[in-house]
Amino acid sequence: MQDHRNSLIHDREAVMSMPIKLLIIMIILSLSIPIIYSAMEFNQESMMDVRMDKECDKIIGCVREIYYSGTGSIRTIDTELPQGCELVIGGNDGDAYCIRSYYEGKEISKAYMDEPLVKFSEEIRISGHTKLRMMTGLVDNEYVIKVSIA
């Protein structure tokens, strides 16, 4: 005949230690889930930044092309921005020389027009699929890039 007392003691110890094990697991999960979520959010923002930089480079390339073609030059380009993203071209003061990228309302990067050093005539905001019309011109005897939605 087997002695069941030892197995009962081990079963009781296992049952008694179960809440402690579950508590430890919950603490580990509660500490690691926010870290994982934050890393995923940062990764998503970085991916959007790369895609937005490509669109900025496309616009800057078009600006260079029309700038060196002379006054009155016109080009149209298609831009494709991911959902939740927005580009702000031009602005006031120093922002007149840059393109700002936004993801979910937060500014993630700025690209300045430094080669050539030319400013945009006014601020324009774009998102999604947009066809832009870009033209060189003079405003107050200053060479500018006029951007509009085509």
N, C-alpha and C. Protein backbone atom coordinates (compact mmCIF):
# COMPACT_ATOMS: atom_id res chain seq x y z
N MET A 1 0.83 -1.17 0.00
CA MET A 1 0.00 0.00 0.00
C MET A 1 0.89 1.25 0.00
N GLN A 2 0.51 2.26 -0.82
CA GLN A 2 1.30 3.48 -0.97
C GLN A 2 0.94 4.50 0.09
N ASP A 3 1.93 5.28 0.44
CA ASP A 3 1.70 6.36 1.39
C ASP A 3 1.38 7.63 0.60
N HIS A 4 0.14 8.09 0.71
CA HIS A 4 -0.31 9.26 -0.05
C HIS A 4 -0.03 10.58 0.67
N ARG A 5 0.48 10.51 1.87
CA ARG A 5 0.74 11.73 2.64
C ARG A 5 1.78 12.62 1.94
N ASN A 6 2.85 12.03 1.42
CA ASN A 6 3.89 12.82 0.73
C ASN A 6 3.34 13.51 -0.51
N SER A 7 2.54 12.80 -1.29
CA SER A 7 1.99 13.42 -2.50
C SER A 7 1.00 14.53 -2.15
N LEU A 8 0.26 14.38 -1.05
CA LEU A 8 -0.66 15.43 -0.62
C LEU A 8 0.10 16.67 -0.17
N ILE A 9 1.21 16.49 0.50
CA ILE A 9 2.02 17.62 0.95
C ILE A 9 2.57 18.38 -0.26
N HIS A 10 3.04 17.65 -1.27
CA HIS A 10 3.56 18.29 -2.49
C HIS A 10 2.46 19.01 -3.25
N ASP A 11 1.27 18.40 -3.30
CA ASP A 11 0.14 19.05 -3.97
C ASP A 11 -0.25 20.33 -3.25
N ARG A 12 -0.29 20.30 -1.93
CA ARG A 12 -0.65 21.47 -1.13
C ARG A 12 0.39 22.58 -1.34
N GLU A 13 1.67 22.24 -1.37
CA GLU A 13 2.73 23.23 -1.59
C GLU A 13 2.60 23.86 -2.99
N ALA A 14 2.27 23.02 -3.96
CA ALA A 14 2.10 23.52 -5.32
C ALA A 14 0.93 24.49 -5.40
N VAL A 15 -0.17 24.15 -4.74
CA VAL A 15 -1.35 25.01 -4.75
C VAL A 15 -1.06 26.30 -3.99
N MET A 16 -0.33 26.22 -2.91
CA MET A 16 -0.01 27.40 -2.12
C MET A 16 0.94 28.34 -2.88
N SER A 17 1.85 27.80 -3.67
CA SER A 17 2.82 28.64 -4.39
C SER A 17 2.26 29.18 -5.71
N MET A 18 1.12 28.67 -6.17
CA MET A 18 0.52 29.10 -7.43
C MET A 18 0.22 30.61 -7.46
N PRO A 19 -0.42 31.19 -6.44
CA PRO A 19 -0.68 32.64 -6.49
C PRO A 19 0.59 33.48 -6.57
N ILE A 20 1.64 33.04 -5.92
CA ILE A 20 2.91 33.77 -5.96
C ILE A 20 3.48 33.72 -7.37
N LYS A 21 3.42 32.55 -8.01
CA LYS A 21 3.91 32.43 -9.39
C LYS A 21 3.09 33.30 -10.33
N LEU A 22 1.76 33.28 -10.16
CA LEU A 22 0.91 34.12 -11.01
C LEU A 22 1.19 35.61 -10.78
N LEU A 23 1.42 35.98 -9.54
CA LEU A 23 1.74 37.37 -9.23
C LEU A 23 3.04 37.80 -9.91
N ILE A 24 4.04 36.96 -9.88
CA ILE A 24 5.33 37.26 -10.52
C ILE A 24 5.14 37.40 -12.03
N ILE A 25 4.36 36.50 -12.62
CA ILE A 25 4.10 36.57 -14.07
C ILE A 25 3.38 37.87 -14.41
N MET A 26 2.39 38.26 -13.61
CA MET A 26 1.65 39.50 -13.87
C MET A 26 2.55 40.73 -13.73
N ILE A 27 3.44 40.71 -12.77
CA ILE A 27 4.37 41.84 -12.60
C ILE A 27 5.29 41.95 -13.81
N ILE A 28 5.82 40.83 -14.26
CA ILE A 28 6.70 40.83 -15.43
C ILE A 28 5.96 41.33 -16.66
N LEU A 29 4.72 40.85 -16.86
CA LEU A 29 3.93 41.31 -18.01
C LEU A 29 3.61 42.80 -17.91
N SER A 30 3.22 43.25 -16.73
CA SER A 30 2.85 44.66 -16.59
C SER A 30 4.05 45.59 -16.80
N LEU A 31 5.25 45.11 -16.54
CA LEU A 31 6.44 45.92 -16.78
C LEU A 31 6.90 45.86 -18.24
N SER A 32 6.72 44.73 -18.89
CA SER A 32 7.26 44.58 -20.24
C SER A 32 6.30 45.03 -21.34
N ILE A 33 5.00 44.97 -21.15
CA ILE A 33 4.06 45.37 -22.20
C ILE A 33 4.22 46.85 -22.57
N PRO A 34 4.30 47.79 -21.63
CA PRO A 34 4.51 49.19 -22.04
C PRO A 34 5.82 49.41 -22.80
N ILE A 35 6.86 48.69 -22.43
CA ILE A 35 8.14 48.82 -23.12
C ILE A 35 8.02 48.32 -24.55
N ILE A 36 7.36 47.19 -24.73
CA ILE A 36 7.17 46.62 -26.07
C ILE A 36 6.31 47.56 -26.91
N TYR A 37 5.23 48.08 -26.33
CA TYR A 37 4.35 49.00 -27.04
C TYR A 37 5.10 50.26 -27.46
N SER A 38 5.90 50.80 -26.56
CA SER A 38 6.67 51.99 -26.86
C SER A 38 7.66 51.74 -28.00
N ALA A 39 8.29 50.59 -27.99
CA ALA A 39 9.24 50.25 -29.06
C ALA A 39 8.52 50.12 -30.39
N MET A 40 7.34 49.52 -30.39
CA MET A 40 6.57 49.37 -31.63
C MET A 40 6.12 50.73 -32.14
N GLU A 41 5.71 51.62 -31.24
CA GLU A 41 5.28 52.96 -31.63
C GLU A 41 6.45 53.75 -32.22
N PHE A 42 7.63 53.64 -31.61
CA PHE A 42 8.82 54.31 -32.11
C PHE A 42 9.19 53.78 -33.50
N ASN A 43 9.07 52.46 -33.68
CA ASN A 43 9.37 51.84 -34.97
C ASN A 43 8.41 52.36 -36.04
N GLN A 44 7.12 52.46 -35.71
CA GLN A 44 6.12 52.97 -36.65
C GLN A 44 6.45 54.41 -37.04
N GLU A 45 6.80 55.23 -36.06
CA GLU A 45 7.14 56.63 -36.33
C GLU A 45 8.39 56.72 -37.20
N SER A 46 9.37 55.86 -36.96
CA SER A 46 10.60 55.86 -37.77
C SER A 46 10.30 55.47 -39.21
N MET A 47 9.42 54.49 -39.40
CA MET A 47 9.05 54.07 -40.76
C MET A 47 8.35 55.21 -41.49
N MET A 48 7.47 55.92 -40.80
CA MET A 48 6.77 57.05 -41.41
C MET A 48 7.75 58.17 -41.75
N ASP A 49 8.73 58.39 -40.89
CA ASP A 49 9.74 59.41 -41.12
C ASP A 49 10.51 59.12 -42.40
N VAL A 50 10.87 57.86 -42.61
CA VAL A 50 11.60 57.47 -43.82
C VAL A 50 10.73 57.71 -45.06
N ARG A 51 9.46 57.32 -45.00
CA ARG A 51 8.57 57.52 -46.14
C ARG A 51 8.34 59.01 -46.42
N MET A 52 8.21 59.79 -45.35
CA MET A 52 8.00 61.22 -45.52
C MET A 52 9.26 61.89 -46.09
N ASP A 53 10.43 61.44 -45.67
CA ASP A 53 11.68 61.99 -46.20
C ASP A 53 11.78 61.75 -47.71
N LYS A 54 11.31 60.60 -48.17
CA LYS A 54 11.33 60.32 -49.61
C LYS A 54 10.45 61.31 -50.37
N GLU A 55 9.29 61.63 -49.81
CA GLU A 55 8.40 62.59 -50.46
C GLU A 55 9.01 63.99 -50.43
N CYS A 56 9.64 64.35 -49.32
CA CYS A 56 10.34 65.65 -49.23
C CYS A 56 11.44 65.74 -50.28
N ASP A 57 12.21 64.67 -50.41
CA ASP A 57 13.28 64.64 -51.41
C ASP A 57 12.73 64.81 -52.82
N LYS A 58 11.57 64.21 -53.07
CA LYS A 58 10.93 64.34 -54.39
C LYS A 58 10.55 65.81 -54.65
N ILE A 59 9.99 66.47 -53.65
CA ILE A 59 9.61 67.88 -53.79
C ILE A 59 10.84 68.76 -53.96
N ILE A 60 11.86 68.53 -53.15
CA ILE A 60 13.10 69.32 -53.24
C ILE A 60 13.76 69.12 -54.60
N GLY A 61 13.74 67.90 -55.12
CA GLY A 61 14.28 67.63 -56.46
C GLY A 61 13.54 68.42 -57.52
N CYS A 62 12.23 68.49 -57.40
CA CYS A 62 11.42 69.26 -58.34
C CYS A 62 11.73 70.76 -58.22
N VAL A 63 11.90 71.24 -56.99
CA VAL A 63 12.25 72.65 -56.78
C VAL A 63 13.58 72.98 -57.45
N ARG A 64 14.56 72.11 -57.29
CA ARG A 64 15.87 72.33 -57.93
C ARG A 64 15.73 72.41 -59.44
N GLU A 65 14.95 71.49 -59.97
CA GLU A 65 14.76 71.42 -61.42
C GLU A 65 14.15 72.72 -61.96
N ILE A 66 13.10 73.21 -61.33
CA ILE A 66 12.46 74.42 -61.85
C ILE A 66 13.26 75.67 -61.51
N TYR A 67 13.96 75.67 -60.40
CA TYR A 67 14.79 76.82 -60.02
C TYR A 67 15.87 77.06 -61.08
N TYR A 68 16.53 75.99 -61.48
CA TYR A 68 17.62 76.14 -62.46
C TYR A 68 17.10 76.29 -63.89
N SER A 69 15.80 76.05 -64.10
CA SER A 69 15.21 76.25 -65.43
C SER A 69 14.81 77.71 -65.66
N GLY A 70 14.74 78.50 -64.60
CA GLY A 70 14.46 79.93 -64.75
C GLY A 70 13.05 80.32 -64.36
N THR A 71 12.82 81.65 -64.33
CA THR A 71 11.53 82.21 -63.93
C THR A 71 10.42 81.72 -64.84
N GLY A 72 9.30 81.34 -64.23
CA GLY A 72 8.15 80.88 -64.99
C GLY A 72 8.13 79.38 -65.25
N SER A 73 9.16 78.66 -64.84
CA SER A 73 9.18 77.21 -65.04
C SER A 73 8.11 76.55 -64.18
N ILE A 74 7.45 75.55 -64.74
CA ILE A 74 6.36 74.86 -64.04
C ILE A 74 6.57 73.36 -64.13
N ARG A 75 6.30 72.67 -63.03
CA ARG A 75 6.33 71.20 -62.99
C ARG A 75 5.18 70.75 -62.10
N THR A 76 4.69 69.56 -62.36
CA THR A 76 3.73 68.93 -61.45
C THR A 76 4.32 67.62 -60.98
N ILE A 77 4.05 67.30 -59.73
CA ILE A 77 4.51 66.02 -59.18
C ILE A 77 3.38 65.42 -58.35
N ASP A 78 3.38 64.10 -58.27
CA ASP A 78 2.44 63.38 -57.42
C ASP A 78 3.12 63.02 -56.11
N THR A 79 2.43 63.27 -55.02
CA THR A 79 2.94 62.86 -53.71
C THR A 79 1.96 61.85 -53.12
N GLU A 80 2.50 60.90 -52.41
CA GLU A 80 1.69 59.86 -51.76
C GLU A 80 2.15 59.75 -50.31
N LEU A 81 1.34 60.29 -49.41
CA LEU A 81 1.68 60.29 -47.99
C LEU A 81 0.88 59.21 -47.27
N PRO A 82 1.52 58.51 -46.34
CA PRO A 82 0.81 57.49 -45.57
C PRO A 82 -0.30 58.12 -44.72
N GLN A 83 -1.26 57.29 -44.34
CA GLN A 83 -2.35 57.75 -43.49
C GLN A 83 -1.81 58.29 -42.17
N GLY A 84 -2.35 59.41 -41.74
CA GLY A 84 -1.90 60.03 -40.48
C GLY A 84 -0.72 60.96 -40.66
N CYS A 85 -0.23 61.09 -41.91
CA CYS A 85 0.93 61.94 -42.19
C CYS A 85 0.51 63.19 -42.94
N GLU A 86 1.28 64.24 -42.74
CA GLU A 86 1.01 65.51 -43.39
C GLU A 86 2.34 66.23 -43.65
N LEU A 87 2.42 66.89 -44.79
CA LEU A 87 3.57 67.75 -45.10
C LEU A 87 3.09 69.19 -45.11
N VAL A 88 3.88 70.06 -44.50
CA VAL A 88 3.60 71.49 -44.53
C VAL A 88 4.76 72.13 -45.28
N ILE A 89 4.45 72.67 -46.44
CA ILE A 89 5.46 73.27 -47.31
C ILE A 89 5.42 74.78 -47.11
N GLY A 90 6.58 75.36 -46.78
CA GLY A 90 6.66 76.80 -46.57
C GLY A 90 6.11 77.23 -45.23
N GLY A 91 5.92 78.53 -45.09
CA GLY A 91 5.42 79.09 -43.83
C GLY A 91 5.94 80.50 -43.64
N ASN A 92 5.99 80.93 -42.41
CA ASN A 92 6.46 82.28 -42.07
C ASN A 92 7.92 82.25 -41.64
N ASP A 93 8.59 83.36 -41.87
CA ASP A 93 9.98 83.54 -41.43
C ASP A 93 10.87 82.40 -41.94
N GLY A 94 11.58 81.72 -41.04
CA GLY A 94 12.49 80.64 -41.43
C GLY A 94 11.78 79.43 -42.01
N ASP A 95 10.51 79.25 -41.63
CA ASP A 95 9.77 78.10 -42.16
C ASP A 95 9.45 78.25 -43.65
N ALA A 96 9.61 79.45 -44.20
CA ALA A 96 9.38 79.66 -45.63
C ALA A 96 10.39 78.89 -46.47
N TYR A 97 11.49 78.48 -45.85
CA TYR A 97 12.56 77.76 -46.54
C TYR A 97 12.54 76.26 -46.25
N CYS A 98 11.46 75.75 -45.66
CA CYS A 98 11.50 74.33 -45.28
C CYS A 98 10.20 73.60 -45.56
N ILE A 99 10.31 72.28 -45.47
CA ILE A 99 9.17 71.36 -45.56
C ILE A 99 9.15 70.60 -44.24
N ARG A 100 8.03 70.70 -43.53
CA ARG A 100 7.91 70.02 -42.24
C ARG A 100 7.04 68.78 -42.38
N SER A 101 7.46 67.69 -41.75
CA SER A 101 6.73 66.42 -41.77
C SER A 101 6.04 66.21 -40.43
N TYR A 102 4.77 65.81 -40.49
CA TYR A 102 4.00 65.53 -39.28
C TYR A 102 3.43 64.12 -39.35
N TYR A 103 3.46 63.44 -38.23
CA TYR A 103 2.82 62.12 -38.10
C TYR A 103 1.90 62.19 -36.90
N GLU A 104 0.62 62.00 -37.15
CA GLU A 104 -0.42 62.08 -36.12
C GLU A 104 -0.32 63.38 -35.33
N GLY A 105 -0.10 64.49 -36.06
CA GLY A 105 -0.07 65.81 -35.45
C GLY A 105 1.24 66.21 -34.81
N LYS A 106 2.20 65.31 -34.77
CA LYS A 106 3.50 65.58 -34.13
C LYS A 106 4.56 65.79 -35.20
N GLU A 107 5.30 66.90 -35.09
CA GLU A 107 6.36 67.16 -36.07
C GLU A 107 7.48 66.14 -35.89
N ILE A 108 7.83 65.45 -37.00
CA ILE A 108 8.87 64.43 -36.91
C ILE A 108 10.15 64.82 -37.64
N SER A 109 10.06 65.76 -38.59
CA SER A 109 11.30 66.20 -39.25
C SER A 109 11.07 67.50 -40.02
N LYS A 110 12.20 68.13 -40.37
CA LYS A 110 12.20 69.34 -41.19
C LYS A 110 13.27 69.17 -42.25
N ALA A 111 12.93 69.58 -43.47
CA ALA A 111 13.92 69.58 -44.56
C ALA A 111 14.01 71.02 -45.06
N TYR A 112 15.20 71.59 -44.99
CA TYR A 112 15.41 72.98 -45.40
C TYR A 112 15.89 73.06 -46.84
N MET A 113 15.43 74.10 -47.54
CA MET A 113 15.90 74.39 -48.88
C MET A 113 17.23 75.14 -48.75
N ASP A 114 18.32 74.42 -48.91
CA ASP A 114 19.62 75.08 -48.79
C ASP A 114 20.38 75.08 -50.11
N GLU A 115 20.03 74.20 -50.99
CA GLU A 115 20.69 74.15 -52.30
C GLU A 115 19.64 73.84 -53.35
N PRO A 116 19.04 74.80 -53.94
CA PRO A 116 19.26 76.24 -53.88
C PRO A 116 18.56 76.85 -52.65
N LEU A 117 19.07 77.99 -52.22
CA LEU A 117 18.47 78.71 -51.10
C LEU A 117 17.33 79.55 -51.66
N VAL A 118 16.16 78.96 -51.65
CA VAL A 118 14.97 79.62 -52.20
C VAL A 118 13.81 79.33 -51.25
N LYS A 119 12.89 80.28 -51.16
CA LYS A 119 11.78 80.07 -50.23
C LYS A 119 10.49 79.81 -50.99
N PHE A 120 9.55 79.23 -50.27
CA PHE A 120 8.21 78.99 -50.81
C PHE A 120 7.38 80.25 -50.57
N SER A 121 6.54 80.61 -51.54
CA SER A 121 5.80 81.87 -51.46
C SER A 121 4.76 81.87 -50.34
N GLU A 122 4.19 80.73 -50.02
CA GLU A 122 3.19 80.65 -48.96
C GLU A 122 3.12 79.23 -48.41
N GLU A 123 2.44 79.09 -47.29
CA GLU A 123 2.33 77.77 -46.65
C GLU A 123 1.21 76.96 -47.30
N ILE A 124 1.49 75.68 -47.52
CA ILE A 124 0.48 74.77 -48.04
C ILE A 124 0.62 73.45 -47.29
N ARG A 125 -0.52 72.85 -46.94
CA ARG A 125 -0.55 71.57 -46.22
C ARG A 125 -1.10 70.50 -47.15
N ILE A 126 -0.42 69.35 -47.17
CA ILE A 126 -0.89 68.25 -48.01
C ILE A 126 -0.89 66.95 -47.20
N SER A 127 -1.79 66.06 -47.59
CA SER A 127 -1.85 64.73 -47.00
C SER A 127 -2.45 63.78 -48.03
N GLY A 128 -2.24 62.49 -47.83
CA GLY A 128 -2.77 61.50 -48.77
C GLY A 128 -2.13 61.62 -50.14
N HIS A 129 -2.92 61.30 -51.18
CA HIS A 129 -2.43 61.42 -52.56
C HIS A 129 -2.75 62.83 -53.05
N THR A 130 -1.72 63.56 -53.42
CA THR A 130 -1.89 64.95 -53.86
C THR A 130 -1.01 65.22 -55.07
N LYS A 131 -1.58 65.92 -56.04
CA LYS A 131 -0.80 66.37 -57.20
C LYS A 131 -0.47 67.84 -56.95
N LEU A 132 0.84 68.14 -56.94
CA LEU A 132 1.30 69.51 -56.69
C LEU A 132 1.75 70.17 -57.98
N ARG A 133 1.44 71.43 -58.11
CA ARG A 133 1.92 72.26 -59.22
C ARG A 133 2.92 73.23 -58.63
N MET A 134 4.13 73.22 -59.15
CA MET A 134 5.20 74.08 -58.64
C MET A 134 5.67 75.00 -59.75
N MET A 135 5.86 76.26 -59.39
CA MET A 135 6.25 77.26 -60.39
C MET A 135 7.22 78.26 -59.75
N THR A 136 8.19 78.68 -60.53
CA THR A 136 9.11 79.72 -60.06
C THR A 136 8.52 81.08 -60.39
N GLY A 137 8.83 82.04 -59.57
CA GLY A 137 8.31 83.38 -59.82
C GLY A 137 9.00 84.41 -58.95
N LEU A 138 8.64 85.66 -59.18
CA LEU A 138 9.16 86.78 -58.40
C LEU A 138 8.03 87.36 -57.55
N VAL A 139 8.30 87.53 -56.27
CA VAL A 139 7.37 88.19 -55.36
C VAL A 139 8.18 89.23 -54.60
N ASP A 140 7.79 90.50 -54.74
CA ASP A 140 8.54 91.61 -54.11
C ASP A 140 10.01 91.56 -54.49
N ASN A 141 10.28 91.33 -55.79
CA ASN A 141 11.64 91.23 -56.33
C ASN A 141 12.47 90.13 -55.69
N GLU A 142 11.81 89.12 -55.18
CA GLU A 142 12.50 87.97 -54.59
C GLU A 142 12.07 86.71 -55.32
N TYR A 143 13.04 85.89 -55.66
CA TYR A 143 12.79 84.63 -56.36
C TYR A 143 12.15 83.64 -55.39
N VAL A 144 10.96 83.11 -55.73
CA VAL A 144 10.25 82.18 -54.84
C VAL A 144 9.69 81.00 -55.64
N ILE A 145 9.30 79.99 -54.89
CA ILE A 145 8.62 78.83 -55.47
C ILE A 145 7.16 78.91 -55.04
N LYS A 146 6.27 78.93 -56.02
CA LYS A 146 4.83 78.95 -55.75
C LYS A 146 4.32 77.51 -55.87
N VAL A 147 3.71 77.03 -54.80
CA VAL A 147 3.21 75.66 -54.77
C VAL A 147 1.69 75.71 -54.62
N SER A 148 1.01 74.93 -55.45
CA SER A 148 -0.45 74.83 -55.34
C SER A 148 -0.87 73.40 -55.64
N ILE A 149 -2.09 73.08 -55.26
CA ILE A 149 -2.61 71.74 -55.55
C ILE A 149 -3.18 71.77 -56.96
N ALA A 150 -2.70 70.86 -57.80
CA ALA A 150 -3.09 70.84 -59.21
C ALA A 150 -4.43 70.15 -59.40
